[in-house]
């Protein structure tokens, strides 16, 4: 059966043109071409170190994949093996089979960056506040062995997806430190104050890739864009309350929107006196060969989709609690 070609929502593209030409200038032309051309999209292959298979690595290399470069990148653990290809090909996914651990996970390579920025250490208590579909939790478990990993997802359907992902990638012998919940993330900080060493807030956002091909109401989408920064700020504030003093939170989105990215961090820094921003410029300089980053992004980094580096959008910001 032939695949149905994705159709671009022209009204939303017009809205993006106005917004992102203003925010990104000339860079928007290239970003727009990549976002609107699925044939240019690239996909990374994250190996599951719980189910190692040297034949998979050999097969990837034979098909033009190489391991994500991380020389001198001090927060990049040796246990994390992610393969990428300069060409926009997609390695076949593995089906979920109850009781069987998958060997690899297909993802956008920029999804690694929030987890790398979080820099989880063995034994730490970690909260993935908006965890579905579970990819970043999987990445986190490839990087370290947390003493406790709480994966939260308030949407019941997405929560099922999250649980299935964890079942597919984590053996039973390692699930004793993992829990799942379906709470409103905005309540977690009040109910579990000062409880975590690290918190990841991969916030619900106006996902530029999926929204451009959405069949939903454009008016409703644009209205959502006005509401989302309020929700994102509340989630991040809750995450800060959930942090132990000295702990760190990483905030990330998969949108280019300044209102949902840097402006959210600015709002937090202006209203929360117990956090300070962490400079991520070292991460940018270490990964320039593999990703294209926007220049002069306040309070974080922004991955821009580019030809041959079609990763993102991905905004990442890190704060430490005093």
Protein backbone atom coordinates (compact mmCIF):
# COMPACT_ATOMS: atom_id res chain seq x y z
CA UNK A 1 0.00 0.00 0.00
CA UNK A 2 1.46 3.40 -1.00
CA UNK A 3 2.03 5.94 1.72
CA UNK A 4 -0.25 8.96 1.80
CA UNK A 5 1.86 12.05 1.14
CA UNK A 6 1.87 14.53 4.01
CA UNK A 7 0.00 17.74 3.22
CA UNK A 8 1.29 21.08 4.50
CA UNK A 9 -1.18 23.35 6.26
CA UNK A 10 -0.70 26.51 4.18
CA UNK A 11 -2.43 28.87 6.61
CA UNK A 12 -0.17 27.74 9.43
CA UNK A 13 2.88 28.02 7.16
CA UNK A 14 1.91 31.63 6.41
CA UNK A 15 1.70 32.26 10.16
CA UNK A 16 5.12 30.66 10.67
CA UNK A 17 6.56 32.75 7.83
CA UNK A 18 5.57 35.98 9.56
CA UNK A 19 6.63 34.84 13.04
CA UNK A 20 9.94 33.16 12.23
CA UNK A 21 11.12 35.63 9.60
CA UNK A 22 10.92 38.17 12.42
CA UNK A 23 12.66 35.90 14.95
CA UNK A 24 15.25 34.08 12.78
CA UNK A 25 15.78 36.44 9.84
CA UNK A 26 17.39 34.85 6.78
CA UNK A 27 17.96 31.56 8.63
CA UNK A 28 14.24 30.87 8.40
CA UNK A 29 14.44 30.20 4.63
CA UNK A 30 16.65 27.12 5.10
CA UNK A 31 14.81 25.96 8.21
CA UNK A 32 11.49 26.29 6.36
CA UNK A 33 12.74 24.21 3.43
CA UNK A 34 13.80 21.38 5.74
CA UNK A 35 10.65 21.46 7.89
CA UNK A 36 8.35 21.40 4.87
CA UNK A 37 10.23 18.63 3.04
CA UNK A 38 9.98 15.31 4.91
CA UNK A 39 12.29 13.81 2.27
CA UNK A 40 15.12 15.83 3.85
CA UNK A 41 14.46 14.65 7.40
CA UNK A 42 17.08 12.50 9.10
CA UNK A 43 16.71 9.86 11.81
CA UNK A 44 19.20 8.68 14.40
CA UNK A 45 19.56 5.18 15.83
CA UNK A 46 20.12 4.93 19.59
CA UNK A 47 21.49 1.53 20.60
CA UNK A 48 20.04 -0.05 23.74
CA UNK A 49 22.95 -1.00 26.01
CA UNK A 50 20.64 -3.40 27.87
CA UNK A 51 20.43 -5.50 24.70
CA UNK A 52 23.78 -5.09 22.94
CA UNK A 53 24.19 -6.47 19.44
CA UNK A 54 27.46 -5.93 17.57
CA UNK A 55 25.78 -6.99 14.33
CA UNK A 56 23.50 -3.95 14.50
CA UNK A 57 26.52 -1.63 14.76
CA UNK A 58 28.22 -3.41 11.88
CA UNK A 59 25.07 -3.15 9.77
CA UNK A 60 24.72 0.58 10.56
CA UNK A 61 28.31 1.32 9.54
CA UNK A 62 27.87 -0.64 6.30
CA UNK A 63 24.85 1.55 5.55
CA UNK A 64 26.71 4.83 5.97
CA UNK A 65 25.97 5.57 9.62
CA UNK A 66 28.60 6.89 12.02
CA UNK A 67 28.57 7.35 15.77
CA UNK A 68 27.62 10.82 16.95
CA UNK A 69 30.87 12.70 17.45
CA UNK A 70 31.62 13.53 21.06
CA UNK A 71 35.38 14.01 21.31
CA UNK A 72 36.29 16.09 24.38
CA UNK A 73 32.61 16.29 25.33
CA UNK A 74 32.92 15.70 29.07
CA UNK A 75 29.21 15.03 29.73
CA UNK A 76 28.89 12.44 26.93
CA UNK A 77 29.00 8.99 28.57
CA UNK A 78 30.71 6.05 26.86
CA UNK A 79 27.58 3.95 27.37
CA UNK A 80 25.56 6.22 25.04
CA UNK A 81 25.85 5.02 21.44
CA UNK A 82 23.89 6.97 18.87
CA UNK A 83 24.41 6.51 15.14
CA UNK A 84 23.51 9.13 12.54
CA UNK A 85 23.61 9.36 8.76
CA UNK A 86 24.17 12.49 6.68
CA UNK A 87 21.60 11.19 4.21
CA UNK A 88 17.86 11.39 4.98
CA UNK A 89 17.28 7.69 5.29
CA UNK A 90 15.34 5.95 8.06
CA UNK A 91 16.49 2.71 9.65
CA UNK A 92 13.54 0.31 10.12
CA UNK A 93 11.86 0.49 13.52
CA UNK A 94 11.37 -2.59 15.69
CA UNK A 95 7.84 -3.54 16.68
CA UNK A 96 6.81 -3.66 20.32
CA UNK A 97 6.58 -7.25 21.55
CA UNK A 98 5.52 -7.78 25.17
CA UNK A 99 8.35 -9.26 27.19
CA UNK A 100 10.97 -8.65 24.50
CA UNK A 101 13.64 -5.92 24.77
CA UNK A 102 14.32 -3.87 21.65
CA UNK A 103 17.88 -3.40 20.40
CA UNK A 104 17.58 0.21 19.29
CA UNK A 105 15.38 3.31 19.28
CA UNK A 106 14.74 5.61 16.30
CA UNK A 107 14.78 9.30 17.25
CA UNK A 108 15.65 12.85 16.26
CA UNK A 109 19.30 13.21 17.33
CA UNK A 110 18.58 16.59 18.95
CA UNK A 111 16.52 14.69 21.55
CA UNK A 112 19.82 13.66 23.14
CA UNK A 113 20.75 17.22 24.04
CA UNK A 114 18.33 17.86 26.95
CA UNK A 115 19.48 14.61 28.60
CA UNK A 116 23.16 15.39 28.01
CA UNK A 117 22.64 18.85 29.47
CA UNK A 118 20.97 17.32 32.55
CA UNK A 119 24.16 15.28 33.14
CA UNK A 120 22.63 12.64 35.42
CA UNK A 121 25.03 10.72 37.67
CA UNK A 122 24.67 7.20 39.02
CA UNK A 123 22.48 7.05 42.12
CA UNK A 124 20.75 10.41 41.64
CA UNK A 125 16.99 10.86 41.99
CA UNK A 126 15.49 12.06 38.71
CA UNK A 127 12.07 13.26 37.55
CA UNK A 128 11.05 13.24 33.90
CA UNK A 129 8.04 15.51 34.34
CA UNK A 130 6.46 15.28 30.85
CA UNK A 131 7.85 11.90 29.88
CA UNK A 132 5.72 10.48 27.03
CA UNK A 133 6.44 8.93 24.63
CA UNK A 134 9.50 7.95 26.70
CA UNK A 135 12.42 8.58 24.38
CA UNK A 136 14.30 10.90 26.71
CA UNK A 137 13.82 8.50 29.64
CA UNK A 138 15.35 5.78 27.45
CA UNK A 139 18.28 8.08 26.59
CA UNK A 140 18.74 8.91 30.27
CA UNK A 141 18.97 5.22 31.17
CA UNK A 142 21.68 4.78 28.53
CA UNK A 143 23.69 7.53 30.21
CA UNK A 144 23.53 6.60 33.90
CA UNK A 145 21.97 4.35 36.55
CA UNK A 146 19.78 6.67 38.62
CA UNK A 147 18.86 5.66 42.13
CA UNK A 148 15.31 6.63 41.27
CA UNK A 149 13.63 7.65 38.00
CA UNK A 150 10.05 8.94 38.19
CA UNK A 151 8.42 9.21 34.75
CA UNK A 152 5.29 11.36 34.77
CA UNK A 153 2.74 11.84 31.99
CA UNK A 154 -0.71 13.32 32.75
CA UNK A 155 -2.40 12.29 29.49
CA UNK A 156 -3.73 8.76 29.93
CA UNK A 157 -3.25 7.73 26.29
CA UNK A 158 0.29 9.07 26.15
CA UNK A 159 0.97 7.45 29.52
CA UNK A 160 0.17 4.05 28.00
CA UNK A 161 2.63 4.85 25.22
CA UNK A 162 5.27 5.77 27.81
CA UNK A 163 4.78 2.50 29.70
CA UNK A 164 5.05 0.52 26.48
CA UNK A 165 8.31 2.32 25.58
CA UNK A 166 9.83 1.54 28.98
CA UNK A 167 8.70 -2.08 28.72
CA UNK A 168 10.36 -2.28 25.28
CA UNK A 169 13.75 -0.93 26.38
CA UNK A 170 14.27 -1.68 30.07
CA UNK A 171 14.72 -5.24 31.38
CA UNK A 172 12.77 -6.28 34.47
CA UNK A 173 16.01 -6.41 36.47
CA UNK A 174 16.31 -2.60 36.17
CA UNK A 175 12.69 -1.55 36.59
CA UNK A 176 12.78 -1.50 40.40
CA UNK A 177 14.11 2.08 40.35
CA UNK A 178 11.53 3.30 37.79
CA UNK A 179 8.02 4.49 38.56
CA UNK A 180 5.32 6.04 36.36
CA UNK A 181 2.58 8.49 37.30
CA UNK A 182 -0.19 10.50 35.64
CA UNK A 183 -0.10 13.73 37.64
CA UNK A 184 -0.49 17.29 36.45
CA UNK A 185 3.16 18.34 36.47
CA UNK A 186 2.21 21.74 37.85
CA UNK A 187 1.27 20.06 41.16
CA UNK A 188 4.41 17.96 41.59
CA UNK A 189 6.55 20.73 43.03
CA UNK A 190 4.06 21.37 45.82
CA UNK A 191 3.51 17.70 46.60
CA UNK A 192 7.15 16.62 46.29
CA UNK A 193 9.16 19.69 47.28
CA UNK A 194 12.97 19.38 47.44
CA UNK A 195 12.79 15.71 46.34
CA UNK A 196 14.98 15.40 43.23
CA UNK A 197 18.60 15.92 42.23
CA UNK A 198 17.66 16.43 38.58
CA UNK A 199 14.41 17.28 36.78
CA UNK A 200 13.73 17.21 33.04
CA UNK A 201 10.87 19.33 31.74
CA UNK A 202 10.44 18.42 28.08
CA UNK A 203 7.44 20.69 27.94
CA UNK A 204 4.33 20.34 25.79
CA UNK A 205 4.81 22.86 22.98
CA UNK A 206 3.72 23.95 19.52
CA UNK A 207 5.73 21.22 17.78
CA UNK A 208 6.68 22.90 14.50
CA UNK A 209 7.26 19.69 12.53
CA UNK A 210 3.96 18.03 13.35
CA UNK A 211 1.88 21.22 13.40
CA UNK A 212 2.84 22.10 9.81
CA UNK A 213 1.24 18.85 8.66
CA UNK A 214 -1.70 18.95 11.06
CA UNK A 215 -5.29 18.84 9.85
CA UNK A 216 -6.57 20.60 12.96
CA UNK A 217 -8.01 24.10 13.19
CA UNK A 218 -5.42 26.80 12.47
CA UNK A 219 -7.27 29.26 14.71
CA UNK A 220 -7.19 26.74 17.55
CA UNK A 221 -3.47 26.10 17.00
CA UNK A 222 -2.62 29.80 17.09
CA UNK A 223 -4.75 30.23 20.21
CA UNK A 224 -2.82 27.38 21.83
CA UNK A 225 0.41 29.24 21.14
CA UNK A 226 -0.77 32.08 23.35
CA UNK A 227 -1.67 29.73 26.23
CA UNK A 228 1.30 27.36 26.11
CA UNK A 229 3.93 29.78 27.57
CA UNK A 230 1.78 30.17 30.69
CA UNK A 231 1.54 26.39 31.14
CA UNK A 232 5.26 25.93 30.38
CA UNK A 233 6.22 28.55 32.96
CA UNK A 234 4.02 26.86 35.57
CA UNK A 235 5.58 23.47 34.81
CA UNK A 236 9.09 24.86 35.10
CA UNK A 237 8.28 26.65 38.35
CA UNK A 238 6.90 23.37 39.72
CA UNK A 239 10.08 21.57 38.66
CA UNK A 240 12.18 24.10 40.56
CA UNK A 241 10.12 23.51 43.72
CA UNK A 242 10.64 19.74 43.26
CA UNK A 243 14.43 20.18 43.12
CA UNK A 244 16.68 19.75 46.12
CA UNK A 245 18.99 22.72 46.76
CA UNK A 246 21.98 22.37 44.44
CA UNK A 247 19.94 20.33 41.96
CA UNK A 248 19.44 21.16 38.29
CA UNK A 249 16.49 21.35 35.91
CA UNK A 250 16.63 21.21 32.13
CA UNK A 251 13.79 22.80 30.18
CA UNK A 252 13.34 21.80 26.53
CA UNK A 253 10.87 22.14 23.66
CA UNK A 254 10.73 21.10 20.01
CA UNK A 255 9.60 24.50 18.73
CA UNK A 256 11.42 27.53 17.36
CA UNK A 257 9.04 29.88 19.20
CA UNK A 258 10.86 32.48 21.27
CA UNK A 259 7.73 32.93 23.42
CA UNK A 260 7.90 29.25 24.43
CA UNK A 261 11.66 29.14 24.77
CA UNK A 262 13.82 32.05 25.93
CA UNK A 263 10.86 34.11 27.12
CA UNK A 264 9.75 31.31 29.47
CA UNK A 265 13.24 31.19 30.99
CA UNK A 266 13.31 34.99 31.31
CA UNK A 267 9.97 34.91 33.15
CA UNK A 268 11.34 32.32 35.57
CA UNK A 269 14.60 34.18 36.20
CA UNK A 270 12.66 37.38 36.85
CA UNK A 271 10.32 35.71 39.34
CA UNK A 272 12.42 32.97 41.00
CA UNK A 273 15.39 34.19 42.98
CA UNK A 274 16.61 30.73 43.92
CA UNK A 275 17.81 29.63 40.46
CA UNK A 276 20.63 30.68 38.15
CA UNK A 277 21.12 29.84 34.45
CA UNK A 278 23.88 27.44 33.38
CA UNK A 279 26.01 28.33 30.35
CA UNK A 280 25.62 25.68 27.61
CA UNK A 281 28.05 27.25 25.13
CA UNK A 282 30.53 24.37 25.63
CA UNK A 283 27.88 21.94 24.42
CA UNK A 284 27.34 24.08 21.32
CA UNK A 285 31.05 24.24 20.48
CA UNK A 286 31.50 20.49 20.98
CA UNK A 287 28.64 19.55 18.67
CA UNK A 288 28.97 22.09 15.86
CA UNK A 289 30.01 19.37 13.40
CA UNK A 290 26.74 17.49 13.91
CA UNK A 291 24.14 20.20 14.61
CA UNK A 292 23.32 23.71 13.41
CA UNK A 293 22.68 26.15 16.26
CA UNK A 294 20.99 29.54 16.21
CA UNK A 295 23.20 32.46 17.22
CA UNK A 296 22.68 34.62 20.29
CA UNK A 297 19.91 32.63 21.97
CA UNK A 298 19.30 34.00 25.49
CA UNK A 299 19.47 31.48 28.34
CA UNK A 300 20.03 28.37 26.23
CA UNK A 301 20.70 26.78 22.86
CA UNK A 302 18.45 26.27 19.84
CA UNK A 303 19.03 23.55 17.23
CA UNK A 304 17.93 24.66 13.76
CA UNK A 305 17.00 22.07 11.10
CA UNK A 306 19.53 22.34 8.27
CA UNK A 307 20.32 20.39 5.10
CA UNK A 308 22.47 17.40 6.03
CA UNK A 309 21.87 18.28 9.70
CA UNK A 310 18.10 18.03 9.71
CA UNK A 311 17.81 17.77 13.50
CA UNK A 312 15.49 19.83 15.64
CA UNK A 313 13.95 22.21 16.30
CA UNK A 314 15.14 21.74 19.87
CA UNK A 315 15.52 24.41 22.55
CA UNK A 316 17.48 23.49 25.68
CA UNK A 317 18.04 25.54 28.82
CA UNK A 318 19.50 24.56 32.19
CA UNK A 319 18.98 26.12 35.62
CA UNK A 320 20.57 25.28 38.96
CA UNK A 321 18.79 25.75 42.28
CA UNK A 322 20.75 27.65 44.89
